[in-house]
Protein backbone atom coordinates (compact mmCIF):
# COMPACT_ATOMS: atom_id res chain seq x y z
CA UNK A 1 -2.63 18.80 5.58
CA UNK A 2 -4.95 18.10 8.53
CA UNK A 3 -2.17 16.05 10.14
CA UNK A 4 0.41 18.80 9.72
CA UNK A 5 -2.02 21.40 11.06
CA UNK A 6 -2.72 19.22 14.10
CA UNK A 7 1.01 18.81 14.77
CA UNK A 8 1.61 22.55 14.58
CA UNK A 9 -1.41 23.22 16.79
CA UNK A 10 0.04 20.82 19.37
CA UNK A 11 3.25 22.85 19.43
CA UNK A 12 5.51 20.84 17.14
CA UNK A 13 8.15 22.94 15.40
CA UNK A 14 8.97 20.18 12.89
CA UNK A 15 6.81 17.92 10.72
CA UNK A 16 7.99 14.99 8.61
CA UNK A 17 6.65 14.19 5.15
CA UNK A 18 7.39 12.06 2.10
CA UNK A 19 7.50 13.37 -1.44
CA UNK A 20 7.55 11.65 -4.80
CA UNK A 21 6.87 12.75 -8.37
CA UNK A 22 3.80 12.34 -10.54
CA UNK A 23 4.19 11.24 -14.15
CA UNK A 24 4.40 14.92 -15.13
CA UNK A 25 7.17 15.55 -12.56
CA UNK A 26 5.13 17.42 -9.94
CA UNK A 27 6.27 16.71 -6.38
CA UNK A 28 3.36 15.55 -4.23
CA UNK A 29 3.20 14.65 -0.53
CA UNK A 30 2.45 10.93 -0.40
CA UNK A 31 3.98 7.99 1.45
CA UNK A 32 2.93 4.97 -0.63
CA UNK A 33 4.22 4.25 -4.11
CA UNK A 34 0.66 3.34 -5.10
CA UNK A 35 -2.52 5.34 -4.65
CA UNK A 36 -4.68 2.37 -3.64
CA UNK A 37 -4.32 2.27 0.18
CA UNK A 38 -4.75 5.91 1.16
CA UNK A 39 -6.72 7.47 -1.69
CA UNK A 40 -9.70 6.75 -3.91
CA UNK A 41 -7.32 6.24 -6.83
CA UNK A 42 -5.44 3.20 -8.08
CA UNK A 43 -2.02 2.52 -9.53
CA UNK A 44 1.44 4.03 -9.06
CA UNK A 45 1.65 7.74 -8.32
CA UNK A 46 4.53 7.92 -10.82
CA UNK A 47 2.12 6.84 -13.59
CA UNK A 48 -0.55 9.37 -12.65
CA UNK A 49 -0.80 13.06 -13.54
CA UNK A 50 -0.72 15.72 -10.87
CA UNK A 51 -4.20 16.84 -11.90
CA UNK A 52 -5.60 13.34 -11.42
CA UNK A 53 -3.89 12.97 -8.03
CA UNK A 54 -5.29 16.33 -6.91
CA UNK A 55 -8.83 15.10 -7.56
CA UNK A 56 -8.59 12.08 -5.25
CA UNK A 57 -9.98 11.79 -1.73
CA UNK A 58 -7.06 11.04 0.60
CA UNK A 59 -8.84 11.31 3.95
CA UNK A 60 -11.86 9.04 3.89
CA UNK A 61 -9.79 5.88 4.45
CA UNK A 62 -8.55 7.29 7.77
CA UNK A 63 -11.90 8.45 9.12
CA UNK A 64 -15.16 9.97 7.91
CA UNK A 65 -14.28 13.32 9.49
CA UNK A 66 -11.37 13.59 7.05
CA UNK A 67 -13.38 12.89 3.90
CA UNK A 68 -12.42 15.36 1.20
CA UNK A 69 -8.79 15.72 2.29
CA UNK A 70 -6.59 15.87 -0.81
CA UNK A 71 -3.06 14.78 -1.63
CA UNK A 72 -1.24 18.11 -1.49
CA UNK A 73 1.41 19.20 -3.89
CA UNK A 74 4.66 19.84 -2.06
CA UNK A 75 4.26 23.55 -2.71
CA UNK A 76 1.08 23.60 -0.61
CA UNK A 77 2.97 22.28 2.41
CA UNK A 78 5.95 24.56 1.78
CA UNK A 79 3.63 27.58 1.72
CA UNK A 80 2.60 26.82 5.31
CA UNK A 81 6.16 26.88 6.66
CA UNK A 82 7.08 29.87 8.83
CA UNK A 83 10.09 31.09 10.75
CA UNK A 84 9.22 28.61 13.51
CA UNK A 85 7.99 25.69 11.38
CA UNK A 86 10.45 23.31 9.75
CA UNK A 87 10.06 20.31 7.45
CA UNK A 88 11.96 17.01 7.47
CA UNK A 89 11.33 15.93 3.88
CA UNK A 90 11.93 12.38 2.70
CA UNK A 91 12.82 11.88 -0.96
CA UNK A 92 10.77 8.72 -1.46
CA UNK A 93 12.07 6.12 -3.90
CA UNK A 94 14.03 6.51 -7.10
CA UNK A 95 14.17 9.94 -8.72
CA UNK A 96 15.51 10.88 -12.14
CA UNK A 97 17.78 13.89 -12.48
CA UNK A 98 14.80 15.85 -13.78
CA UNK A 99 12.70 14.76 -10.78
CA UNK A 100 15.42 15.88 -8.35
CA UNK A 101 15.87 19.19 -10.14
CA UNK A 102 12.12 19.83 -10.06
CA UNK A 103 12.05 18.96 -6.36
CA UNK A 104 14.87 21.36 -5.53
CA UNK A 105 13.23 24.08 -7.62
CA UNK A 106 9.97 23.57 -5.73
CA UNK A 107 11.73 23.93 -2.38
CA UNK A 108 13.71 26.97 -3.50
CA UNK A 109 10.48 28.51 -4.70
CA UNK A 110 9.07 28.47 -1.18
CA UNK A 111 9.43 31.39 1.20
CA UNK A 112 11.30 29.29 3.77
CA UNK A 113 13.56 26.95 1.82
CA UNK A 114 16.09 27.19 4.67
CA UNK A 115 13.55 25.40 6.89
CA UNK A 116 13.62 22.20 4.77
CA UNK A 117 15.94 19.31 5.68
CA UNK A 118 16.09 16.49 3.12
CA UNK A 119 16.44 12.81 4.03
CA UNK A 120 16.26 9.56 2.07
CA UNK A 121 16.99 5.85 2.09
CA UNK A 122 18.27 6.30 -1.47
CA UNK A 123 22.03 6.87 -1.35
CA UNK A 124 22.26 7.53 -5.09
CA UNK A 125 19.64 10.25 -4.84
CA UNK A 126 21.48 11.83 -1.91
CA UNK A 127 24.80 11.81 -3.77
CA UNK A 128 23.20 13.50 -6.77
CA UNK A 129 21.41 15.92 -4.46
CA UNK A 130 24.75 17.32 -3.31
CA UNK A 131 25.31 18.68 -6.81
CA UNK A 132 21.88 20.29 -6.94
CA UNK A 133 21.65 21.49 -3.34
CA UNK A 134 25.24 22.50 -2.68
CA UNK A 135 26.14 23.23 0.90
CA UNK A 136 22.79 22.19 2.36
CA UNK A 137 22.67 19.43 5.01
CA UNK A 138 20.72 16.19 4.56
CA UNK A 139 20.14 12.92 6.39
CA UNK A 140 20.47 9.22 5.54
CA UNK A 141 17.56 7.00 6.58
CA UNK A 142 18.28 3.41 7.65
CA UNK A 143 16.05 0.39 8.21
CA UNK A 144 19.00 -1.64 9.50
CA UNK A 145 22.12 -0.06 10.93
CA UNK A 146 25.24 -0.11 8.81
CA UNK A 147 28.25 -1.93 10.21
CA UNK A 148 29.80 1.48 10.88
CA UNK A 149 27.07 4.13 10.72
CA UNK A 150 29.49 6.98 11.43
CA UNK A 151 31.75 6.00 8.53
CA UNK A 152 28.76 5.58 6.23
CA UNK A 153 27.38 9.01 7.10
CA UNK A 154 30.75 10.69 6.66
CA UNK A 155 31.40 8.99 3.31
CA UNK A 156 28.07 10.26 2.03
CA UNK A 157 28.41 13.71 3.54
CA UNK A 158 25.24 13.27 5.60
CA UNK A 159 24.64 15.65 8.49
CA UNK A 160 22.20 13.20 10.12
CA UNK A 161 21.81 9.43 10.35
CA UNK A 162 18.17 8.53 10.88
CA UNK A 163 17.60 4.90 11.99
CA UNK A 164 14.53 2.80 12.75
CA UNK A 165 13.87 2.82 16.49
CA UNK A 166 14.19 -0.92 17.09
CA UNK A 167 17.49 -1.10 15.23
CA UNK A 168 18.87 1.82 17.23
CA UNK A 169 17.78 0.47 20.60
CA UNK A 170 19.49 -2.81 19.75
CA UNK A 171 22.79 -0.89 19.31
CA UNK A 172 22.45 2.17 21.55
CA UNK A 173 26.16 3.00 21.48
CA UNK A 174 25.75 4.17 17.90
CA UNK A 175 24.33 7.51 19.09
CA UNK A 176 27.56 8.48 20.85
CA UNK A 177 29.64 7.24 17.91
CA UNK A 178 27.69 9.41 15.49
CA UNK A 179 27.77 12.44 17.77
CA UNK A 180 31.53 12.03 18.13
CA UNK A 181 31.93 12.78 14.42
CA UNK A 182 29.32 15.55 14.36
CA UNK A 183 26.41 13.58 12.89
CA UNK A 184 22.92 14.07 14.31
CA UNK A 185 20.52 11.20 15.05
CA UNK A 186 16.80 11.46 14.21
CA UNK A 187 15.10 8.18 15.10
CA UNK A 188 11.86 6.83 13.58
CA UNK A 189 9.08 5.97 14.40
CA UNK A 190 8.36 5.85 18.15
CA UNK A 191 4.96 6.33 19.80
CA UNK A 192 5.91 4.61 23.10
CA UNK A 193 6.84 6.73 26.15
CA UNK A 194 9.04 3.91 27.41
CA UNK A 195 11.10 4.26 24.25
CA UNK A 196 11.06 8.06 24.53
CA UNK A 197 12.78 7.74 27.90
CA UNK A 198 15.50 5.48 26.55
CA UNK A 199 15.99 7.57 23.41
CA UNK A 200 16.15 10.84 25.32
CA UNK A 201 18.65 9.39 27.77
CA UNK A 202 20.78 8.31 24.80
CA UNK A 203 20.75 11.91 23.56
CA UNK A 204 19.04 11.50 20.19
CA UNK A 205 18.49 14.79 18.39
CA UNK A 206 14.92 14.10 17.30
CA UNK A 207 12.17 11.54 17.75
CA UNK A 208 9.86 11.05 14.78
CA UNK A 209 6.39 10.07 16.04
CA UNK A 210 2.78 9.71 14.95
CA UNK A 211 1.71 11.32 18.26
CA UNK A 212 3.46 14.70 18.46
CA UNK A 213 1.05 16.17 21.00
CA UNK A 214 1.68 13.32 23.40
CA UNK A 215 5.44 13.48 22.85
CA UNK A 216 5.53 17.24 23.47
CA UNK A 217 3.49 16.86 26.65
CA UNK A 218 5.84 14.10 27.82
CA UNK A 219 8.89 16.20 27.02
CA UNK A 220 7.49 19.09 29.04
CA UNK A 221 7.52 16.89 32.13
CA UNK A 222 11.27 16.48 31.62
CA UNK A 223 11.89 20.20 31.48
CA UNK A 224 12.31 20.75 27.76
CA UNK A 225 12.56 19.35 24.27
């Protein structure tokens, strides 16, 4: 939560987060499949109860000033959304139907469910999401670009195609191809101003970064976002 608060304080209107379920089907905000790297716990998050996850220290690994930071439940992050704060939420890894239903219920239970935009690498999860989240847009994440990203996005019904920055810069014409069929492009993860220039000139719709304050300051020198 300290990271999200810092992004909002810097002026970011969007934050990006990953969510996956605990063994008792509670959606928590955590990137890794296992607890070992970023918390004081061990083992897969999907084999751990929400109560046990909530008791772990998730900040000490990053720096002593963050000791005591916890792994938040998704609802904690959703409660901090406002009319000018939005969330790009990655559905991380495989989800059962019950997991997806619980996730959608958690988002609907927030005060600003219209501010949440789902994304995932998991095409099966996204296809099943359309039946649970009818009419709501979502994005497809990609490590490597598909042979025809526009066709892939359209076949899935994705409103956005979100590629890794190196893969996109290797095939920059993809941005125009996706825009031509009405699909947005949110690229990840770029912390390099030299890349920001190239990406902005290509017309990407969003740049996902670990340094939002620096990106916002850079964008201000170009006259906008």
